[in-house]
Structures are given as C-alpha cells and as structure tokens.
C-alpha atoms as a PDB file:
ATOM      1  CA  UNK A   1     -23.632  93.962-169.756  1.00  0.00           C
ATOM      2  CA  UNK A   2     -24.947  92.539-166.518  1.00  0.00           C
ATOM      3  CA  UNK A   3     -25.439  88.796-166.861  1.00  0.00           C
ATOM      4  CA  UNK A   4     -26.075  86.502-163.908  1.00  0.00           C
ATOM      5  CA  UNK A   5     -25.612  82.751-164.307  1.00  0.00           C
ATOM      6  CA  UNK A   6     -27.033  80.602-161.519  1.00  0.00           C
ATOM      7  CA  UNK A   7     -26.691  76.842-161.449  1.00  0.00           C
ATOM      8  CA  UNK A   8     -29.496  75.262-159.446  1.00  0.00           C
ATOM      9  CA  UNK A   9     -29.428  72.005-161.424  1.00  0.00           C
ATOM     10  CA  UNK A  10     -27.183  69.946-159.169  1.00  0.00           C
ATOM     11  CA  UNK A  11     -25.023  69.242-162.245  1.00  0.00           C
ATOM     12  CA  UNK A  12     -21.540  70.487-163.035  1.00  0.00           C
ATOM     13  CA  UNK A  13     -21.827  72.930-165.959  1.00  0.00           C
ATOM     14  CA  UNK A  14     -19.450  75.402-167.603  1.00  0.00           C
ATOM     15  CA  UNK A  15     -20.982  78.588-166.195  1.00  0.00           C
ATOM     16  CA  UNK A  16     -18.129  80.727-167.509  1.00  0.00           C
ATOM     17  CA  UNK A  17     -18.754  79.594-171.119  1.00  0.00           C
ATOM     18  CA  UNK A  18     -22.496  80.231-170.757  1.00  0.00           C
ATOM     19  CA  UNK A  19     -21.759  83.738-169.508  1.00  0.00           C
ATOM     20  CA  UNK A  20     -19.248  84.301-172.304  1.00  0.00           C
ATOM     21  CA  UNK A  21     -21.508  83.138-175.141  1.00  0.00           C
ATOM     22  CA  UNK A  22     -24.476  85.105-173.752  1.00  0.00           C
ATOM     23  CA  UNK A  23     -22.322  88.237-173.658  1.00  0.00           C
ATOM     24  CA  UNK A  24     -21.080  87.534-177.205  1.00  0.00           C
ATOM     25  CA  UNK A  25     -24.635  86.973-178.526  1.00  0.00           C
ATOM     26  CA  UNK A  26     -25.943  90.195-176.976  1.00  0.00           C
ATOM     27  CA  UNK A  27     -23.018  92.212-178.340  1.00  0.00           C
ATOM     28  CA  UNK A  28     -23.469  90.656-181.782  1.00  0.00           C
ATOM     29  CA  UNK A  29     -27.177  91.580-181.682  1.00  0.00           C
ATOM     30  CA  UNK A  30     -26.196  95.129-180.661  1.00  0.00           C
ATOM     31  CA  UNK A  31     -28.047  95.117-177.346  1.00  0.00           C
ATOM     32  CA  UNK A  32     -27.276  98.022-175.018  1.00  0.00           C
ATOM     33  CA  UNK A  33     -24.228  97.222-172.856  1.00  0.00           C
ATOM     34  CA  UNK A  34     -26.081  98.192-169.661  1.00  0.00           C
ATOM     35  CA  UNK A  35     -28.938  95.744-170.262  1.00  0.00           C
ATOM     36  CA  UNK A  36     -29.473  92.880-167.825  1.00  0.00           C
ATOM     37  CA  UNK A  37     -29.942  89.138-168.343  1.00  0.00           C
ATOM     38  CA  UNK A  38     -30.374  86.182-166.020  1.00  0.00           C
ATOM     39  CA  UNK A  39     -29.526  82.577-166.960  1.00  0.00           C
ATOM     40  CA  UNK A  40     -30.604  79.804-164.614  1.00  0.00           C
ATOM     41  CA  UNK A  41     -29.851  76.083-164.907  1.00  0.00           C
ATOM     42  CA  UNK A  42     -32.422  73.841-163.220  1.00  0.00           C
ATOM     43  CA  UNK A  43     -33.035  70.111-162.804  1.00  0.00           C
ATOM     44  CA  UNK A  44     -35.591  68.130-164.818  1.00  0.00           C
ATOM     45  CA  UNK A  45     -38.284  68.360-162.155  1.00  0.00           C
ATOM     46  CA  UNK A  46     -38.110  72.151-161.923  1.00  0.00           C
ATOM     47  CA  UNK A  47     -38.071  72.470-165.723  1.00  0.00           C
ATOM     48  CA  UNK A  48     -41.064  70.165-166.054  1.00  0.00           C
ATOM     49  CA  UNK A  49     -42.970  72.309-163.570  1.00  0.00           C
ATOM     50  CA  UNK A  50     -42.162  75.483-165.551  1.00  0.00           C
ATOM     51  CA  UNK A  51     -43.041  73.760-168.824  1.00  0.00           C
ATOM     52  CA  UNK A  52     -46.450  72.724-167.479  1.00  0.00           C
ATOM     53  CA  UNK A  53     -47.138  76.081-165.822  1.00  0.00           C
ATOM     54  CA  UNK A  54     -46.212  78.336-168.751  1.00  0.00           C
ATOM     55  CA  UNK A  55     -46.680  76.178-171.852  1.00  0.00           C
ATOM     56  CA  UNK A  56     -49.229  73.636-170.592  1.00  0.00           C
ATOM     57  CA  UNK A  57     -46.970  70.889-171.960  1.00  0.00           C
ATOM     58  CA  UNK A  58     -45.818  67.708-170.184  1.00  0.00           C
ATOM     59  CA  UNK A  59     -42.247  66.779-169.364  1.00  0.00           C
ATOM     60  CA  UNK A  60     -39.113  68.875-169.091  1.00  0.00           C
ATOM     61  CA  UNK A  61     -37.853  70.891-172.035  1.00  0.00           C
ATOM     62  CA  UNK A  62     -34.370  72.119-172.940  1.00  0.00           C
ATOM     63  CA  UNK A  63     -34.727  75.904-172.664  1.00  0.00           C
ATOM     64  CA  UNK A  64     -37.388  78.445-171.778  1.00  0.00           C
ATOM     65  CA  UNK A  65     -37.196  82.217-172.128  1.00  0.00           C
ATOM     66  CA  UNK A  66     -39.091  84.763-170.075  1.00  0.00           C
ATOM     67  CA  UNK A  67     -38.778  88.270-171.575  1.00  0.00           C
ATOM     68  CA  UNK A  68     -39.130  91.353-169.394  1.00  0.00           C
ATOM     69  CA  UNK A  69     -38.811  94.640-171.302  1.00  0.00           C
ATOM     70  CA  UNK A  70     -39.204  93.054-174.759  1.00  0.00           C
ATOM     71  CA  UNK A  71     -36.007  94.635-176.056  1.00  0.00           C
ATOM     72  CA  UNK A  72     -35.263  94.301-179.764  1.00  0.00           C
ATOM     73  CA  UNK A  73     -32.047  94.777-181.715  1.00  0.00           C
ATOM     74  CA  UNK A  74     -31.778  98.218-183.339  1.00  0.00           C
ATOM     75  CA  UNK A  75     -33.203  98.265-186.871  1.00  0.00           C
ATOM     76  CA  UNK A  76     -30.382 100.445-188.210  1.00  0.00           C
ATOM     77  CA  UNK A  77     -26.637 100.421-187.565  1.00  0.00           C
ATOM     78  CA  UNK A  78     -26.639 104.046-186.390  1.00  0.00           C
ATOM     79  CA  UNK A  79     -29.674 103.608-184.122  1.00  0.00           C
ATOM     80  CA  UNK A  80     -29.032 103.692-180.355  1.00  0.00           C
ATOM     81  CA  UNK A  81     -30.138 100.410-178.725  1.00  0.00           C
ATOM     82  CA  UNK A  82     -32.569 100.682-175.803  1.00  0.00           C
ATOM     83  CA  UNK A  83     -31.412  99.703-172.335  1.00  0.00           C
ATOM     84  CA  UNK A  84     -33.425  97.446-170.044  1.00  0.00           C
ATOM     85  CA  UNK A  85     -34.079  94.072-168.520  1.00  0.00           C
ATOM     86  CA  UNK A  86     -33.915  91.335-171.141  1.00  0.00           C
ATOM     87  CA  UNK A  87     -35.385  88.674-168.868  1.00  0.00           C
ATOM     88  CA  UNK A  88     -34.579  85.118-167.852  1.00  0.00           C
ATOM     89  CA  UNK A  89     -33.311  82.092-169.722  1.00  0.00           C
ATOM     90  CA  UNK A  90     -33.892  78.760-167.991  1.00  0.00           C
ATOM     91  CA  UNK A  91     -31.723  75.823-169.097  1.00  0.00           C
ATOM     92  CA  UNK A  92     -32.043  72.145-168.239  1.00  0.00           C
ATOM     93  CA  UNK A  93     -28.673  70.338-168.315  1.00  0.00           C
ATOM     94  CA  UNK A  94     -30.390  66.923-168.057  1.00  0.00           C
ATOM     95  CA  UNK A  95     -32.273  67.523-171.316  1.00  0.00           C
ATOM     96  CA  UNK A  96     -29.238  69.200-172.900  1.00  0.00           C
ATOM     97  CA  UNK A  97     -27.086  66.148-172.203  1.00  0.00           C
ATOM     98  CA  UNK A  98     -29.630  63.828-173.799  1.00  0.00           C
ATOM     99  CA  UNK A  99     -30.087  66.068-176.844  1.00  0.00           C
ATOM    100  CA  UNK A 100     -26.351  66.442-177.393  1.00  0.00           C
ATOM    101  CA  UNK A 101     -25.883  62.659-177.267  1.00  0.00           C
ATOM    102  CA  UNK A 102     -28.766  62.074-179.691  1.00  0.00           C
ATOM    103  CA  UNK A 103     -27.917  64.859-182.155  1.00  0.00           C
ATOM    104  CA  UNK A 104     -26.755  64.068-185.680  1.00  0.00           C
ATOM    105  CA  UNK A 105     -23.464  65.772-184.796  1.00  0.00           C
ATOM    106  CA  UNK A 106     -23.052  64.293-181.319  1.00  0.00           C
ATOM    107  CA  UNK A 107     -21.737  66.838-178.837  1.00  0.00           C
ATOM    108  CA  UNK A 108     -21.332  67.444-175.129  1.00  0.00           C
ATOM    109  CA  UNK A 109     -23.867  68.760-172.669  1.00  0.00           C
ATOM    110  CA  UNK A 110     -21.841  71.965-172.326  1.00  0.00           C
ATOM    111  CA  UNK A 111     -21.856  72.504-176.097  1.00  0.00           C
ATOM    112  CA  UNK A 112     -25.618  71.993-176.109  1.00  0.00           C
ATOM    113  CA  UNK A 113     -26.033  74.426-173.193  1.00  0.00           C
ATOM    114  CA  UNK A 114     -24.100  77.095-175.123  1.00  0.00           C
ATOM    115  CA  UNK A 115     -26.315  76.528-178.164  1.00  0.00           C
ATOM    116  CA  UNK A 116     -29.428  76.706-175.964  1.00  0.00           C
ATOM    117  CA  UNK A 117     -28.184  79.914-174.344  1.00  0.00           C
ATOM    118  CA  UNK A 118     -27.992  81.590-177.750  1.00  0.00           C
ATOM    119  CA  UNK A 119     -31.400  80.123-178.615  1.00  0.00           C
ATOM    120  CA  UNK A 120     -32.813  81.614-175.413  1.00  0.00           C
ATOM    121  CA  UNK A 121     -31.248  85.021-176.102  1.00  0.00           C
ATOM    122  CA  UNK A 122     -32.838  85.089-179.545  1.00  0.00           C
ATOM    123  CA  UNK A 123     -36.252  84.234-178.063  1.00  0.00           C
ATOM    124  CA  UNK A 124     -35.851  87.100-175.575  1.00  0.00           C
ATOM    125  CA  UNK A 125     -35.160  89.387-178.538  1.00  0.00           C
ATOM    126  CA  UNK A 126     -38.402  88.407-180.260  1.00  0.00           C
ATOM    127  CA  UNK A 127     -37.217  85.667-182.610  1.00  0.00           C
ATOM    128  CA  UNK A 128     -39.296  82.525-182.971  1.00  0.00           C
ATOM    129  CA  UNK A 129     -39.462  79.368-185.088  1.00  0.00           C
ATOM    130  CA  UNK A 130     -43.174  78.741-185.579  1.00  0.00           C
ATOM    131  CA  UNK A 131     -43.129  79.090-189.374  1.00  0.00           C
ATOM    132  CA  UNK A 132     -40.527  77.772-191.835  1.00  0.00           C
ATOM    133  CA  UNK A 133     -39.369  81.336-192.602  1.00  0.00           C
ATOM    134  CA  UNK A 134     -39.026  82.207-188.904  1.00  0.00           C
ATOM    135  CA  UNK A 135     -37.208  78.935-188.276  1.00  0.00           C
ATOM    136  CA  UNK A 136     -34.756  79.564-191.101  1.00  0.00           C
ATOM    137  CA  UNK A 137     -34.043  83.099-189.850  1.00  0.00           C
ATOM    138  CA  UNK A 138     -33.682  82.177-186.177  1.00  0.00           C
ATOM    139  CA  UNK A 139     -31.647  79.006-186.621  1.00  0.00           C
ATOM    140  CA  UNK A 140     -29.432  80.684-189.244  1.00  0.00           C
ATOM    141  CA  UNK A 141     -28.715  83.534-186.852  1.00  0.00           C
ATOM    142  CA  UNK A 142     -28.168  81.079-183.991  1.00  0.00           C
ATOM    143  CA  UNK A 143     -25.599  79.121-186.035  1.00  0.00           C
ATOM    144  CA  UNK A 144     -23.829  82.323-187.115  1.00  0.00           C
ATOM    145  CA  UNK A 145     -23.535  83.506-183.501  1.00  0.00           C
ATOM    146  CA  UNK A 146     -22.292  80.157-182.169  1.00  0.00           C
ATOM    147  CA  UNK A 147     -19.873  79.752-185.101  1.00  0.00           C
ATOM    148  CA  UNK A 148     -18.558  83.303-184.577  1.00  0.00           C
ATOM    149  CA  UNK A 149     -18.068  82.681-180.871  1.00  0.00           C
ATOM    150  CA  UNK A 150     -16.271  79.388-181.574  1.00  0.00           C
ATOM    151  CA  UNK A 151     -14.042  80.969-184.243  1.00  0.00           C
ATOM    152  CA  UNK A 152     -12.997  83.818-181.938  1.00  0.00           C
ATOM    153  CA  UNK A 153     -11.939  81.259-179.340  1.00  0.00           C
ATOM    154  CA  UNK A 154     -10.103  79.037-181.812  1.00  0.00           C
ATOM    155  CA  UNK A 155     -12.454  76.081-181.366  1.00  0.00           C
ATOM    156  CA  UNK A 156     -12.473  73.618-184.256  1.00  0.00           C
ATOM    157  CA  UNK A 157     -15.394  72.895-186.535  1.00  0.00           C
ATOM    158  CA  UNK A 158     -18.853  74.370-186.935  1.00  0.00           C
ATOM    159  CA  UNK A 159     -21.380  74.704-184.163  1.00  0.00           C
ATOM    160  CA  UNK A 160     -23.594  71.752-183.272  1.00  0.00           C
ATOM    161  CA  UNK A 161     -26.743  71.439-185.374  1.00  0.00           C
ATOM    162  CA  UNK A 162     -29.874  72.864-183.718  1.00  0.00           C
ATOM    163  CA  UNK A 163     -31.643  70.311-181.563  1.00  0.00           C
ATOM    164  CA  UNK A 164     -34.420  72.441-180.075  1.00  0.00           C
ATOM    165  CA  UNK A 165     -37.917  72.221-181.445  1.00  0.00           C
END
C-alpha cells in the first residue's frame, strides 16, 4: 500500500499513527495492496478555502475527501479487489483539536486525526452519512475500524465517539 502523509499545517501531528491507521483501514476494507492514497494536513485557512471551493460552505471543516478512481471494497470475500488511486484525504489539525476537546468523550487532537483519517478513507470508498441508515453504517464501520486498530496496539478503551457531521 502506498500512502503518503504530508503535514503542511504548521502543527506537530503524529504522522506515523495517521499512516498506520490508514493502512489498517484499507487492509480491513480489503483494498488492493498496491493502491495509492495521499493524506495531507493543512491549516485552517487552507481548509476554509477548500471547503468554500468544493462544498460552497463557509469556515474550515475537519476532513475532506477527494476520490480519484472511485475504488470500492470487494463485494465478496473471494473477489479480487481492484487496484488504483484512492485519492486524497485533507485533515485540519486546528479543527480536530477543537472537536476533540469539545467531544462527549474528550480526546486529543491526534486521536481525533486518526478518527478523521478513517472517516476520510470510508468517504473515498463510497460511504456517506446523508441518511440515518447511511450514517449508522458508516459510523458503525468507522468505530469498528478504530477500535480494532486500538485493540491491536494495546490501547485502552473504545475509540472516541464520532464528531464529524
């Protein structure tokens, strides 16, 4: 799996953990091991510009996903996954820090960035949360992936509750 993590945010972030959880999420979703992903952390101003340009919404947001080849997980266990470019995930540590501090289960910026990385991966794979059913599916899968990653690394407790909208 080729995953690039670039920090252009001016903030200190745990790039290694972002890379690790992205790799874990893609393996768990059975994405071809030669597929490519880019994760970029940006400051609030850059995220606000992207948010306005692509979503026509004001202010910075926590995560945005830009799919390339529109890869999807294989429908069957014995089906060969397609290889390709997944796309880009853009994270905003400034927003992540605020969300983590305001969450019901308060957590660090780095924990929020890991959660947002998984959220971004799922968006790249076609998951969304527009309807209650979609939200339940996506956020359930997101929690299962983060919890699985945490358990494999011996981290205590469940994953942080979803804070993205």
